[in-house]
Amino acid sequence: MNGQTNIEATGFRFRYGLNDIPEEKKNPPLKSLSYFWGPIP
C-alpha cells in the first residue's frame, strides 16, 4: 500500500486547504461596459 492514510490526508487538507480554485465573480454591468472599451469598440 503506497498511498496516504486518511489521517495524513486530513492533516494536509488542514495545513494547505482544499485543492480548489476560487471562482471569480464578475459584475455583469461592468462586463457589458468592457465590450465598449478598447482600440476597436
PDB file of N, CA and C in Angstrom:
ATOM      1  N   MET A   1       0.852  -1.179   0.000  1.00  0.00           N
ATOM      2  CA  MET A   1       0.000   0.000   0.000  1.00  0.00           C
ATOM      3  C   MET A   1       0.898   1.243   0.000  1.00  0.00           C
ATOM      4  N   ASN A   2       0.797   2.069  -1.028  1.00  0.00           N
ATOM      5  CA  ASN A   2       1.703   3.205  -1.171  1.00  0.00           C
ATOM      6  C   ASN A   2       0.997   4.549  -1.121  1.00  0.00           C
ATOM      7  N   GLY A   3      -0.238   4.595  -0.697  1.00  0.00           N
ATOM      8  CA  GLY A   3      -0.976   5.863  -0.665  1.00  0.00           C
ATOM      9  C   GLY A   3      -0.951   6.498   0.710  1.00  0.00           C
ATOM     10  N   GLN A   4      -1.630   7.613   0.819  1.00  0.00           N
ATOM     11  CA  GLN A   4      -1.743   8.312   2.097  1.00  0.00           C
ATOM     12  C   GLN A   4      -2.875   7.704   2.911  1.00  0.00           C
ATOM     13  N   THR A   5      -2.707   7.762   4.196  1.00  0.00           N
ATOM     14  CA  THR A   5      -3.803   7.328   5.058  1.00  0.00           C
ATOM     15  C   THR A   5      -4.795   8.476   5.185  1.00  0.00           C
ATOM     16  N   ASN A   6      -5.946   8.169   5.708  1.00  0.00           N
ATOM     17  CA  ASN A   6      -6.983   9.181   5.907  1.00  0.00           C
ATOM     18  C   ASN A   6      -6.512  10.270   6.864  1.00  0.00           C
ATOM     19  N   ILE A   7      -5.748   9.892   7.859  1.00  0.00           N
ATOM     20  CA  ILE A   7      -5.241  10.865   8.838  1.00  0.00           C
ATOM     21  C   ILE A   7      -4.240  11.805   8.179  1.00  0.00           C
ATOM     22  N   GLU A   8      -3.352  11.267   7.329  1.00  0.00           N
ATOM     23  CA  GLU A   8      -2.387  12.115   6.627  1.00  0.00           C
ATOM     24  C   GLU A   8      -3.100  13.081   5.679  1.00  0.00           C
ATOM     25  N   ALA A   9      -4.095  12.597   4.964  1.00  0.00           N
ATOM     26  CA  ALA A   9      -4.835  13.445   4.033  1.00  0.00           C
ATOM     27  C   ALA A   9      -5.557  14.558   4.778  1.00  0.00           C
ATOM     28  N   THR A  10      -6.127  14.252   5.921  1.00  0.00           N
ATOM     29  CA  THR A  10      -6.802  15.269   6.726  1.00  0.00           C
ATOM     30  C   THR A  10      -5.806  16.307   7.215  1.00  0.00           C
ATOM     31  N   GLY A  11      -4.612  15.875   7.583  1.00  0.00           N
ATOM     32  CA  GLY A  11      -3.574  16.807   8.028  1.00  0.00           C
ATOM     33  C   GLY A  11      -3.154  17.741   6.910  1.00  0.00           C
ATOM     34  N   PHE A  12      -2.960  17.203   5.700  1.00  0.00           N
ATOM     35  CA  PHE A  12      -2.606  18.050   4.563  1.00  0.00           C
ATOM     36  C   PHE A  12      -3.727  19.033   4.233  1.00  0.00           C
ATOM     37  N   ARG A  13      -4.960  18.567   4.281  1.00  0.00           N
ATOM     38  CA  ARG A  13      -6.105  19.426   3.987  1.00  0.00           C
ATOM     39  C   ARG A  13      -6.203  20.551   5.021  1.00  0.00           C
ATOM     40  N   PHE A  14      -5.934  20.219   6.291  1.00  0.00           N
ATOM     41  CA  PHE A  14      -5.985  21.230   7.345  1.00  0.00           C
ATOM     42  C   PHE A  14      -4.858  22.245   7.165  1.00  0.00           C
ATOM     43  N   ARG A  15      -3.672  21.770   6.785  1.00  0.00           N
ATOM     44  CA  ARG A  15      -2.499  22.636   6.673  1.00  0.00           C
ATOM     45  C   ARG A  15      -2.539  23.503   5.416  1.00  0.00           C
ATOM     46  N   TYR A  16      -2.924  22.904   4.271  1.00  0.00           N
ATOM     47  CA  TYR A  16      -2.837  23.611   2.995  1.00  0.00           C
ATOM     48  C   TYR A  16      -4.184  24.034   2.419  1.00  0.00           C
ATOM     49  N   GLY A  17      -5.268  23.566   2.972  1.00  0.00           N
ATOM     50  CA  GLY A  17      -6.595  23.901   2.455  1.00  0.00           C
ATOM     51  C   GLY A  17      -7.023  22.917   1.380  1.00  0.00           C
ATOM     52  N   LEU A  18      -8.213  23.117   0.885  1.00  0.00           N
ATOM     53  CA  LEU A  18      -8.750  22.226  -0.130  1.00  0.00           C
ATOM     54  C   LEU A  18      -8.062  22.462  -1.469  1.00  0.00           C
ATOM     55  N   ASN A  19      -8.026  21.446  -2.287  1.00  0.00           N
ATOM     56  CA  ASN A  19      -7.471  21.552  -3.631  1.00  0.00           C
ATOM     57  C   ASN A  19      -8.555  22.137  -4.519  1.00  0.00           C
ATOM     58  N   ASP A  20      -8.717  23.467  -4.420  1.00  0.00           N
ATOM     59  CA  ASP A  20      -9.838  24.126  -5.067  1.00  0.00           C
ATOM     60  C   ASP A  20      -9.379  25.466  -5.622  1.00  0.00           C
ATOM     61  N   ILE A  21      -9.898  25.828  -6.777  1.00  0.00           N
ATOM     62  CA  ILE A  21      -9.609  27.122  -7.376  1.00  0.00           C
ATOM     63  C   ILE A  21     -10.828  28.007  -7.139  1.00  0.00           C
ATOM     64  N   PRO A  22     -10.640  29.153  -6.475  1.00  0.00           N
ATOM     65  CA  PRO A  22     -11.795  30.016  -6.217  1.00  0.00           C
ATOM     66  C   PRO A  22     -12.343  30.604  -7.513  1.00  0.00           C
ATOM     67  N   GLU A  23     -13.644  30.646  -7.613  1.00  0.00           N
ATOM     68  CA  GLU A  23     -14.302  31.172  -8.807  1.00  0.00           C
ATOM     69  C   GLU A  23     -14.365  32.687  -8.726  1.00  0.00           C
ATOM     70  N   GLU A  24     -13.986  33.345  -9.815  1.00  0.00           N
ATOM     71  CA  GLU A  24     -14.046  34.802  -9.844  1.00  0.00           C
ATOM     72  C   GLU A  24     -15.473  35.233 -10.142  1.00  0.00           C
ATOM     73  N   LYS A  25     -15.977  36.145  -9.329  1.00  0.00           N
ATOM     74  CA  LYS A  25     -17.317  36.660  -9.549  1.00  0.00           C
ATOM     75  C   LYS A  25     -17.194  37.954 -10.336  1.00  0.00           C
ATOM     76  N   LYS A  26     -17.904  38.042 -11.441  1.00  0.00           N
ATOM     77  CA  LYS A  26     -17.820  39.206 -12.299  1.00  0.00           C
ATOM     78  C   LYS A  26     -19.106  40.011 -12.196  1.00  0.00           C
ATOM     79  N   ASN A  27     -18.943  41.296 -12.287  1.00  0.00           N
ATOM     80  CA  ASN A  27     -20.064  42.209 -12.225  1.00  0.00           C
ATOM     81  C   ASN A  27     -20.662  42.333 -13.639  1.00  0.00           C
ATOM     82  N   PRO A  28     -21.895  41.891 -13.876  1.00  0.00           N
ATOM     83  CA  PRO A  28     -22.469  41.924 -15.229  1.00  0.00           C
ATOM     84  C   PRO A  28     -22.483  43.298 -15.886  1.00  0.00           C
ATOM     85  N   PRO A  29     -22.848  44.384 -15.174  1.00  0.00           N
ATOM     86  CA  PRO A  29     -22.806  45.685 -15.857  1.00  0.00           C
ATOM     87  C   PRO A  29     -21.390  46.083 -16.287  1.00  0.00           C
ATOM     88  N   LEU A  30     -20.400  45.791 -15.455  1.00  0.00           N
ATOM     89  CA  LEU A  30     -19.033  46.127 -15.835  1.00  0.00           C
ATOM     90  C   LEU A  30     -18.551  45.272 -16.994  1.00  0.00           C
ATOM     91  N   LYS A  31     -18.990  44.032 -17.050  1.00  0.00           N
ATOM     92  CA  LYS A  31     -18.602  43.175 -18.164  1.00  0.00           C
ATOM     93  C   LYS A  31     -19.188  43.706 -19.468  1.00  0.00           C
ATOM     94  N   SER A  32     -20.438  44.137 -19.442  1.00  0.00           N
ATOM     95  CA  SER A  32     -21.046  44.660 -20.665  1.00  0.00           C
ATOM     96  C   SER A  32     -20.384  45.972 -21.083  1.00  0.00           C
ATOM     97  N   LEU A  33     -19.971  46.799 -20.110  1.00  0.00           N
ATOM     98  CA  LEU A  33     -19.271  48.047 -20.440  1.00  0.00           C
ATOM     99  C   LEU A  33     -17.876  47.779 -20.984  1.00  0.00           C
ATOM    100  N   SER A  34     -17.275  46.667 -20.593  1.00  0.00           N
ATOM    101  CA  SER A  34     -15.924  46.370 -21.068  1.00  0.00           C
ATOM    102  C   SER A  34     -15.904  46.074 -22.566  1.00  0.00           C
ATOM    103  N   TYR A  35     -17.020  45.709 -23.145  1.00  0.00           N
ATOM    104  CA  TYR A  35     -17.065  45.463 -24.585  1.00  0.00           C
ATOM    105  C   TYR A  35     -16.917  46.764 -25.381  1.00  0.00           C
ATOM    106  N   PHE A  36     -17.209  47.895 -24.746  1.00  0.00           N
ATOM    107  CA  PHE A  36     -17.116  49.186 -25.422  1.00  0.00           C
ATOM    108  C   PHE A  36     -15.800  49.902 -25.109  1.00  0.00           C
ATOM    109  N   TRP A  37     -14.865  49.220 -24.451  1.00  0.00           N
ATOM    110  CA  TRP A  37     -13.601  49.820 -24.082  1.00  0.00           C
ATOM    111  C   TRP A  37     -12.484  49.113 -24.826  1.00  0.00           C
ATOM    112  N   GLY A  38     -11.712  49.824 -25.580  1.00  0.00           N
ATOM    113  CA  GLY A  38     -10.592  49.234 -26.296  1.00  0.00           C
ATOM    114  C   GLY A  38     -10.299  50.003 -27.569  1.00  0.00           C
ATOM    115  N   PRO A  39      -9.307  49.552 -28.322  1.00  0.00           N
ATOM    116  CA  PRO A  39      -8.926  50.280 -29.520  1.00  0.00           C
ATOM    117  C   PRO A  39      -9.972  50.209 -30.640  1.00  0.00           C
ATOM    118  N   ILE A  40     -10.692  49.089 -30.716  1.00  0.00           N
ATOM    119  CA  ILE A  40     -11.715  48.950 -31.769  1.00  0.00           C
ATOM    120  C   ILE A  40     -13.020  48.505 -31.114  1.00  0.00           C
ATOM    121  N   PRO A  41     -13.772  49.438 -30.529  1.00  0.00           N
ATOM    122  CA  PRO A  41     -15.014  49.043 -29.852  1.00  0.00           C
ATOM    123  C   PRO A  41     -16.145  48.756 -30.835  1.00  0.00           C
TER     124      PRO A  41
END
